[in-house]
């Protein structure tokens, strides 16, 4: 299906494990011409190519420190610019960024200056007990970032990536006890972010326990709002 009549510049918010990547994939299949921008993919590319930014980021990550807001913001804004998406007629979707209020402010300043500010922010609200259950069953192909879940999205062959045949890994924090700390940290940072976008008049939410419940609600909302 083609894009809605009005340009859609969308940010998906949600706790780790809430299914932002799944909803992004579903939206891209449904709307042709919607360009995804993933901060995680951009960062992995920089690290894999051993660029100056990538080496700097890898050093920070290895030390267990948080990446500067300006670094992540710069990667995303440069990508939007390089793809000629910083204009009022383009449609795109942000996945995994911004995650903090400073990142949101840096992004918004650049977008507003190009008349291409976000016009929809949707929070995916999934119960924490459901997220923790998902995490216990999650495996990942580290080089690509592809994620599998033994409950609802298992690999075709146990323990290996569908595309490359390479082994899947269990992230160190993919257990309920450790992941709960990530959820707590997310809850602390997301409230200022939500308040910021609420004040801008673009924040909405959809609720559900599975992606199949959430996606129809998300799709209906977008179609009703932008057609």
C-alpha atoms as a PDB file:
ATOM      1  CA  UNK A   1       0.000   0.000   0.000  1.00  0.00           C
ATOM      2  CA  UNK A   2       1.198   3.520  -0.726  1.00  0.00           C
ATOM      3  CA  UNK A   3       1.868   6.080   1.946  1.00  0.00           C
ATOM      4  CA  UNK A   4      -0.877   8.165   3.572  1.00  0.00           C
ATOM      5  CA  UNK A   5      -1.872  11.356   1.763  1.00  0.00           C
ATOM      6  CA  UNK A   6       0.122  13.560   4.141  1.00  0.00           C
ATOM      7  CA  UNK A   7       3.873  13.033   4.763  1.00  0.00           C
ATOM      8  CA  UNK A   8       4.459  10.816   7.797  1.00  0.00           C
ATOM      9  CA  UNK A   9       7.477  11.467  10.021  1.00  0.00           C
ATOM     10  CA  UNK A  10       7.103   8.923  12.789  1.00  0.00           C
ATOM     11  CA  UNK A  11       8.946   8.018  15.975  1.00  0.00           C
ATOM     12  CA  UNK A  12       8.118   4.791  17.801  1.00  0.00           C
ATOM     13  CA  UNK A  13       8.710   4.855  21.555  1.00  0.00           C
ATOM     14  CA  UNK A  14       8.645   1.794  23.759  1.00  0.00           C
ATOM     15  CA  UNK A  15      10.517  -0.090  26.415  1.00  0.00           C
ATOM     16  CA  UNK A  16      13.307  -2.480  25.409  1.00  0.00           C
ATOM     17  CA  UNK A  17      11.577  -5.638  24.217  1.00  0.00           C
ATOM     18  CA  UNK A  18       8.281  -3.873  23.477  1.00  0.00           C
ATOM     19  CA  UNK A  19       8.490  -4.766  19.796  1.00  0.00           C
ATOM     20  CA  UNK A  20       9.538  -1.526  18.094  1.00  0.00           C
ATOM     21  CA  UNK A  21      11.530  -3.454  15.499  1.00  0.00           C
ATOM     22  CA  UNK A  22       8.608  -5.757  14.763  1.00  0.00           C
ATOM     23  CA  UNK A  23       6.190  -2.858  14.317  1.00  0.00           C
ATOM     24  CA  UNK A  24       8.717  -1.088  12.098  1.00  0.00           C
ATOM     25  CA  UNK A  25       8.983  -4.156   9.844  1.00  0.00           C
ATOM     26  CA  UNK A  26       5.205  -4.429   9.597  1.00  0.00           C
ATOM     27  CA  UNK A  27       4.826  -0.741   8.724  1.00  0.00           C
ATOM     28  CA  UNK A  28       7.507  -0.964   6.027  1.00  0.00           C
ATOM     29  CA  UNK A  29       5.710  -3.906   4.421  1.00  0.00           C
ATOM     30  CA  UNK A  30       2.437  -2.003   4.511  1.00  0.00           C
ATOM     31  CA  UNK A  31       3.614   1.440   3.359  1.00  0.00           C
ATOM     32  CA  UNK A  32       5.855   1.668   0.307  1.00  0.00           C
ATOM     33  CA  UNK A  33       8.055   4.742   0.375  1.00  0.00           C
ATOM     34  CA  UNK A  34       8.431   4.932   4.143  1.00  0.00           C
ATOM     35  CA  UNK A  35      12.168   5.181   4.875  1.00  0.00           C
ATOM     36  CA  UNK A  36      13.428   3.601   8.119  1.00  0.00           C
ATOM     37  CA  UNK A  37      16.290   5.162  10.051  1.00  0.00           C
ATOM     38  CA  UNK A  38      17.744   2.960  12.804  1.00  0.00           C
ATOM     39  CA  UNK A  39      20.301   4.485  15.145  1.00  0.00           C
ATOM     40  CA  UNK A  40      21.436   0.980  16.107  1.00  0.00           C
ATOM     41  CA  UNK A  41      22.076   0.017  12.479  1.00  0.00           C
ATOM     42  CA  UNK A  42      23.967   3.258  11.834  1.00  0.00           C
ATOM     43  CA  UNK A  43      26.144   2.713  14.895  1.00  0.00           C
ATOM     44  CA  UNK A  44      26.846  -0.937  14.000  1.00  0.00           C
ATOM     45  CA  UNK A  45      27.898   0.149  10.508  1.00  0.00           C
ATOM     46  CA  UNK A  46      30.351   2.699  11.896  1.00  0.00           C
ATOM     47  CA  UNK A  47      31.830   0.119  14.277  1.00  0.00           C
ATOM     48  CA  UNK A  48      32.101  -2.600  11.618  1.00  0.00           C
ATOM     49  CA  UNK A  49      33.833  -0.272   9.144  1.00  0.00           C
ATOM     50  CA  UNK A  50      36.169   0.910  11.917  1.00  0.00           C
ATOM     51  CA  UNK A  51      35.496   4.554  11.141  1.00  0.00           C
ATOM     52  CA  UNK A  52      36.732   7.255  13.490  1.00  0.00           C
ATOM     53  CA  UNK A  53      33.272   7.544  14.995  1.00  0.00           C
ATOM     54  CA  UNK A  54      32.954   3.757  15.186  1.00  0.00           C
ATOM     55  CA  UNK A  55      36.250   3.297  17.010  1.00  0.00           C
ATOM     56  CA  UNK A  56      35.392   6.086  19.428  1.00  0.00           C
ATOM     57  CA  UNK A  57      31.956   4.582  20.088  1.00  0.00           C
ATOM     58  CA  UNK A  58      33.370   1.097  20.579  1.00  0.00           C
ATOM     59  CA  UNK A  59      35.836   2.378  23.177  1.00  0.00           C
ATOM     60  CA  UNK A  60      33.034   4.048  25.119  1.00  0.00           C
ATOM     61  CA  UNK A  61      30.802   0.970  24.937  1.00  0.00           C
ATOM     62  CA  UNK A  62      33.675  -1.273  26.057  1.00  0.00           C
ATOM     63  CA  UNK A  63      34.055   0.894  29.154  1.00  0.00           C
ATOM     64  CA  UNK A  64      30.366   0.496  29.936  1.00  0.00           C
ATOM     65  CA  UNK A  65      29.706   4.190  29.455  1.00  0.00           C
ATOM     66  CA  UNK A  66      26.844   5.921  27.648  1.00  0.00           C
ATOM     67  CA  UNK A  67      27.459   7.388  24.208  1.00  0.00           C
ATOM     68  CA  UNK A  68      27.256  11.203  24.025  1.00  0.00           C
ATOM     69  CA  UNK A  69      23.874  12.515  22.889  1.00  0.00           C
ATOM     70  CA  UNK A  70      25.623  14.624  20.250  1.00  0.00           C
ATOM     71  CA  UNK A  71      27.226  11.530  18.653  1.00  0.00           C
ATOM     72  CA  UNK A  72      23.995   9.579  18.206  1.00  0.00           C
ATOM     73  CA  UNK A  73      22.082  12.697  17.161  1.00  0.00           C
ATOM     74  CA  UNK A  74      24.748  13.536  14.595  1.00  0.00           C
ATOM     75  CA  UNK A  75      24.614  10.058  13.061  1.00  0.00           C
ATOM     76  CA  UNK A  76      20.842  10.178  12.608  1.00  0.00           C
ATOM     77  CA  UNK A  77      20.691  13.744  11.322  1.00  0.00           C
ATOM     78  CA  UNK A  78      23.525  13.098   8.856  1.00  0.00           C
ATOM     79  CA  UNK A  79      21.719  10.001   7.592  1.00  0.00           C
ATOM     80  CA  UNK A  80      18.494  11.949   7.071  1.00  0.00           C
ATOM     81  CA  UNK A  81      20.440  14.631   5.240  1.00  0.00           C
ATOM     82  CA  UNK A  82      22.402  12.153   3.103  1.00  0.00           C
ATOM     83  CA  UNK A  83      19.156  10.516   1.987  1.00  0.00           C
ATOM     84  CA  UNK A  84      17.618  13.897   1.147  1.00  0.00           C
ATOM     85  CA  UNK A  85      14.879  13.378   3.724  1.00  0.00           C
ATOM     86  CA  UNK A  86      15.127  16.742   5.469  1.00  0.00           C
ATOM     87  CA  UNK A  87      12.200  18.340   3.685  1.00  0.00           C
ATOM     88  CA  UNK A  88       8.494  18.758   4.304  1.00  0.00           C
ATOM     89  CA  UNK A  89       7.470  16.192   1.663  1.00  0.00           C
ATOM     90  CA  UNK A  90       9.462  13.168   2.851  1.00  0.00           C
ATOM     91  CA  UNK A  91       8.144  10.301   4.967  1.00  0.00           C
ATOM     92  CA  UNK A  92      10.347   8.364   7.348  1.00  0.00           C
ATOM     93  CA  UNK A  93      10.381   6.389  10.571  1.00  0.00           C
ATOM     94  CA  UNK A  94      12.861   6.605  13.439  1.00  0.00           C
ATOM     95  CA  UNK A  95      13.697   3.378  15.282  1.00  0.00           C
ATOM     96  CA  UNK A  96      15.632   3.510  18.556  1.00  0.00           C
ATOM     97  CA  UNK A  97      16.224   7.254  18.621  1.00  0.00           C
ATOM     98  CA  UNK A  98      15.861   9.616  20.397  1.00  0.00           C
ATOM     99  CA  UNK A  99      16.072   7.910  23.772  1.00  0.00           C
ATOM    100  CA  UNK A 100      16.710  10.918  25.992  1.00  0.00           C
ATOM    101  CA  UNK A 101      15.343  14.431  26.298  1.00  0.00           C
ATOM    102  CA  UNK A 102      18.641  16.068  25.172  1.00  0.00           C
ATOM    103  CA  UNK A 103      18.652  13.862  22.052  1.00  0.00           C
ATOM    104  CA  UNK A 104      15.053  14.854  21.309  1.00  0.00           C
ATOM    105  CA  UNK A 105      15.853  18.550  21.632  1.00  0.00           C
ATOM    106  CA  UNK A 106      18.925  18.316  19.380  1.00  0.00           C
ATOM    107  CA  UNK A 107      16.899  16.412  16.776  1.00  0.00           C
ATOM    108  CA  UNK A 108      13.913  18.737  16.927  1.00  0.00           C
ATOM    109  CA  UNK A 109      16.060  21.837  16.450  1.00  0.00           C
ATOM    110  CA  UNK A 110      17.514  20.439  13.235  1.00  0.00           C
ATOM    111  CA  UNK A 111      14.194  19.141  11.932  1.00  0.00           C
ATOM    112  CA  UNK A 112      12.284  22.356  12.588  1.00  0.00           C
ATOM    113  CA  UNK A 113      14.980  24.362  10.774  1.00  0.00           C
ATOM    114  CA  UNK A 114      14.289  22.223   7.680  1.00  0.00           C
ATOM    115  CA  UNK A 115      10.474  22.251   8.067  1.00  0.00           C
ATOM    116  CA  UNK A 116      10.577  18.485   8.543  1.00  0.00           C
ATOM    117  CA  UNK A 117       9.727  18.096  12.223  1.00  0.00           C
ATOM    118  CA  UNK A 118       8.221  14.902  13.640  1.00  0.00           C
ATOM    119  CA  UNK A 119       4.462  14.850  13.197  1.00  0.00           C
ATOM    120  CA  UNK A 120       3.683  11.624  15.076  1.00  0.00           C
ATOM    121  CA  UNK A 121       5.201   9.941  18.131  1.00  0.00           C
ATOM    122  CA  UNK A 122       3.600   6.659  19.220  1.00  0.00           C
ATOM    123  CA  UNK A 123       4.437   4.827  22.422  1.00  0.00           C
ATOM    124  CA  UNK A 124       4.016   1.045  22.304  1.00  0.00           C
ATOM    125  CA  UNK A 125       2.667   0.067  25.726  1.00  0.00           C
ATOM    126  CA  UNK A 126       3.298  -3.591  26.572  1.00  0.00           C
ATOM    127  CA  UNK A 127       3.027  -5.044  30.117  1.00  0.00           C
ATOM    128  CA  UNK A 128       6.425  -5.616  31.729  1.00  0.00           C
ATOM    129  CA  UNK A 129       5.617  -9.256  32.552  1.00  0.00           C
ATOM    130  CA  UNK A 130       5.108  -9.893  28.815  1.00  0.00           C
ATOM    131  CA  UNK A 131       8.368  -8.157  27.925  1.00  0.00           C
ATOM    132  CA  UNK A 132      10.347 -10.171  30.486  1.00  0.00           C
ATOM    133  CA  UNK A 133       8.875 -13.409  29.138  1.00  0.00           C
ATOM    134  CA  UNK A 134       9.920 -12.407  25.624  1.00  0.00           C
ATOM    135  CA  UNK A 135      13.452 -11.634  26.753  1.00  0.00           C
ATOM    136  CA  UNK A 136      13.969 -15.041  28.308  1.00  0.00           C
ATOM    137  CA  UNK A 137      13.221 -16.557  24.881  1.00  0.00           C
ATOM    138  CA  UNK A 138      15.204 -14.073  22.740  1.00  0.00           C
ATOM    139  CA  UNK A 139      18.275 -14.919  20.631  1.00  0.00           C
ATOM    140  CA  UNK A 140      20.164 -12.578  18.312  1.00  0.00           C
ATOM    141  CA  UNK A 141      22.430 -12.671  15.255  1.00  0.00           C
ATOM    142  CA  UNK A 142      24.993 -10.147  16.465  1.00  0.00           C
ATOM    143  CA  UNK A 143      26.510  -8.959  13.110  1.00  0.00           C
ATOM    144  CA  UNK A 144      23.126  -8.012  11.608  1.00  0.00           C
ATOM    145  CA  UNK A 145      21.068  -7.343  14.724  1.00  0.00           C
ATOM    146  CA  UNK A 146      18.387  -9.831  13.601  1.00  0.00           C
ATOM    147  CA  UNK A 147      16.340 -10.999  16.569  1.00  0.00           C
ATOM    148  CA  UNK A 148      14.540 -14.309  17.029  1.00  0.00           C
ATOM    149  CA  UNK A 149      12.134 -15.443  19.714  1.00  0.00           C
ATOM    150  CA  UNK A 150      11.620 -19.114  20.488  1.00  0.00           C
ATOM    151  CA  UNK A 151       7.924 -18.508  21.254  1.00  0.00           C
ATOM    152  CA  UNK A 152       6.688 -16.662  18.165  1.00  0.00           C
ATOM    153  CA  UNK A 153       9.582 -16.054  15.760  1.00  0.00           C
ATOM    154  CA  UNK A 154      11.958 -19.026  16.028  1.00  0.00           C
ATOM    155  CA  UNK A 155      14.844 -19.577  13.582  1.00  0.00           C
ATOM    156  CA  UNK A 156      14.220 -22.174  10.865  1.00  0.00           C
ATOM    157  CA  UNK A 157      17.074 -24.199  12.294  1.00  0.00           C
ATOM    158  CA  UNK A 158      17.651 -24.146  16.016  1.00  0.00           C
ATOM    159  CA  UNK A 159      20.555 -21.930  17.052  1.00  0.00           C
ATOM    160  CA  UNK A 160      21.462 -20.452  13.641  1.00  0.00           C
ATOM    161  CA  UNK A 161      20.552 -17.334  11.668  1.00  0.00           C
ATOM    162  CA  UNK A 162      18.075 -17.872   8.806  1.00  0.00           C
ATOM    163  CA  UNK A 163      20.018 -15.675   6.368  1.00  0.00           C
ATOM    164  CA  UNK A 164      23.686 -16.479   6.997  1.00  0.00           C
ATOM    165  CA  UNK A 165      23.609 -19.792   8.817  1.00  0.00           C
ATOM    166  CA  UNK A 166      25.857 -18.272  11.475  1.00  0.00           C
ATOM    167  CA  UNK A 167      25.302 -19.099  15.161  1.00  0.00           C
ATOM    168  CA  UNK A 168      22.887 -17.098  17.265  1.00  0.00           C
ATOM    169  CA  UNK A 169      23.891 -15.657  20.610  1.00  0.00           C
ATOM    170  CA  UNK A 170      22.233 -14.932  23.922  1.00  0.00           C
ATOM    171  CA  UNK A 171      22.901 -11.368  25.039  1.00  0.00           C
ATOM    172  CA  UNK A 172      24.349 -11.155  28.558  1.00  0.00           C
ATOM    173  CA  UNK A 173      21.414  -9.007  29.692  1.00  0.00           C
ATOM    174  CA  UNK A 174      18.725 -11.220  28.169  1.00  0.00           C
ATOM    175  CA  UNK A 175      17.457 -12.587  31.455  1.00  0.00           C
ATOM    176  CA  UNK A 176      14.625 -11.304  33.601  1.00  0.00           C
ATOM    177  CA  UNK A 177      16.707 -10.073  36.542  1.00  0.00           C
ATOM    178  CA  UNK A 178      19.183  -8.043  34.479  1.00  0.00           C
ATOM    179  CA  UNK A 179      16.588  -6.845  31.983  1.00  0.00           C
ATOM    180  CA  UNK A 180      14.379  -5.498  34.746  1.00  0.00           C
ATOM    181  CA  UNK A 181      17.126  -2.975  35.440  1.00  0.00           C
ATOM    182  CA  UNK A 182      16.989  -1.856  31.797  1.00  0.00           C
ATOM    183  CA  UNK A 183      13.230  -1.447  32.067  1.00  0.00           C
ATOM    184  CA  UNK A 184      13.641   0.626  35.215  1.00  0.00           C
ATOM    185  CA  UNK A 185      16.210   2.840  33.487  1.00  0.00           C
ATOM    186  CA  UNK A 186      13.906   3.249  30.482  1.00  0.00           C
ATOM    187  CA  UNK A 187      11.000   4.281  32.695  1.00  0.00           C
ATOM    188  CA  UNK A 188      13.156   6.969  34.283  1.00  0.00           C
ATOM    189  CA  UNK A 189      14.261   8.495  30.978  1.00  0.00           C
ATOM    190  CA  UNK A 190      11.050   8.124  28.971  1.00  0.00           C
ATOM    191  CA  UNK A 191       8.795  10.307  31.129  1.00  0.00           C
ATOM    192  CA  UNK A 192      10.612  13.584  30.266  1.00  0.00           C
ATOM    193  CA  UNK A 193      10.677  12.464  26.622  1.00  0.00           C
ATOM    194  CA  UNK A 194       6.937  11.798  26.614  1.00  0.00           C
ATOM    195  CA  UNK A 195       6.221  15.127  28.303  1.00  0.00           C
ATOM    196  CA  UNK A 196       8.295  16.905  25.670  1.00  0.00           C
ATOM    197  CA  UNK A 197       6.414  15.337  22.762  1.00  0.00           C
ATOM    198  CA  UNK A 198       3.075  15.756  24.524  1.00  0.00           C
ATOM    199  CA  UNK A 199       3.761  19.486  24.766  1.00  0.00           C
ATOM    200  CA  UNK A 200       4.521  19.469  21.023  1.00  0.00           C
ATOM    201  CA  UNK A 201       1.116  17.843  20.437  1.00  0.00           C
ATOM    202  CA  UNK A 202       2.391  14.735  18.641  1.00  0.00           C
ATOM    203  CA  UNK A 203       2.373  12.027  21.370  1.00  0.00           C
ATOM    204  CA  UNK A 204      -0.060   9.102  21.232  1.00  0.00           C
ATOM    205  CA  UNK A 205      -0.018   5.496  22.460  1.00  0.00           C
ATOM    206  CA  UNK A 206      -1.270   2.024  21.541  1.00  0.00           C
ATOM    207  CA  UNK A 207      -1.542  -0.888  23.957  1.00  0.00           C
ATOM    208  CA  UNK A 208      -1.432  -4.665  23.688  1.00  0.00           C
ATOM    209  CA  UNK A 209       0.358  -7.834  24.724  1.00  0.00           C
ATOM    210  CA  UNK A 210       1.378  -9.006  21.234  1.00  0.00           C
ATOM    211  CA  UNK A 211       2.487  -7.388  17.983  1.00  0.00           C
ATOM    212  CA  UNK A 212      -0.589  -8.817  16.245  1.00  0.00           C
ATOM    213  CA  UNK A 213      -2.816  -6.920  18.668  1.00  0.00           C
ATOM    214  CA  UNK A 214      -0.831  -3.686  18.539  1.00  0.00           C
ATOM    215  CA  UNK A 215      -0.260  -3.414  14.786  1.00  0.00           C
ATOM    216  CA  UNK A 216      -3.907  -3.067  13.667  1.00  0.00           C
ATOM    217  CA  UNK A 217      -4.386  -0.308  16.253  1.00  0.00           C
ATOM    218  CA  UNK A 218      -1.222   1.463  15.082  1.00  0.00           C
ATOM    219  CA  UNK A 219      -2.188   1.127  11.428  1.00  0.00           C
ATOM    220  CA  UNK A 220      -5.741   2.381  11.959  1.00  0.00           C
ATOM    221  CA  UNK A 221      -4.482   5.372  13.890  1.00  0.00           C
ATOM    222  CA  UNK A 222      -1.988   6.360  11.177  1.00  0.00           C
ATOM    223  CA  UNK A 223      -4.523   5.947   8.391  1.00  0.00           C
ATOM    224  CA  UNK A 224      -7.205   7.931  10.213  1.00  0.00           C
ATOM    225  CA  UNK A 225      -4.847  10.726  11.142  1.00  0.00           C
ATOM    226  CA  UNK A 226      -2.958  11.166   7.883  1.00  0.00           C
ATOM    227  CA  UNK A 227      -5.543  10.440   5.191  1.00  0.00           C
END
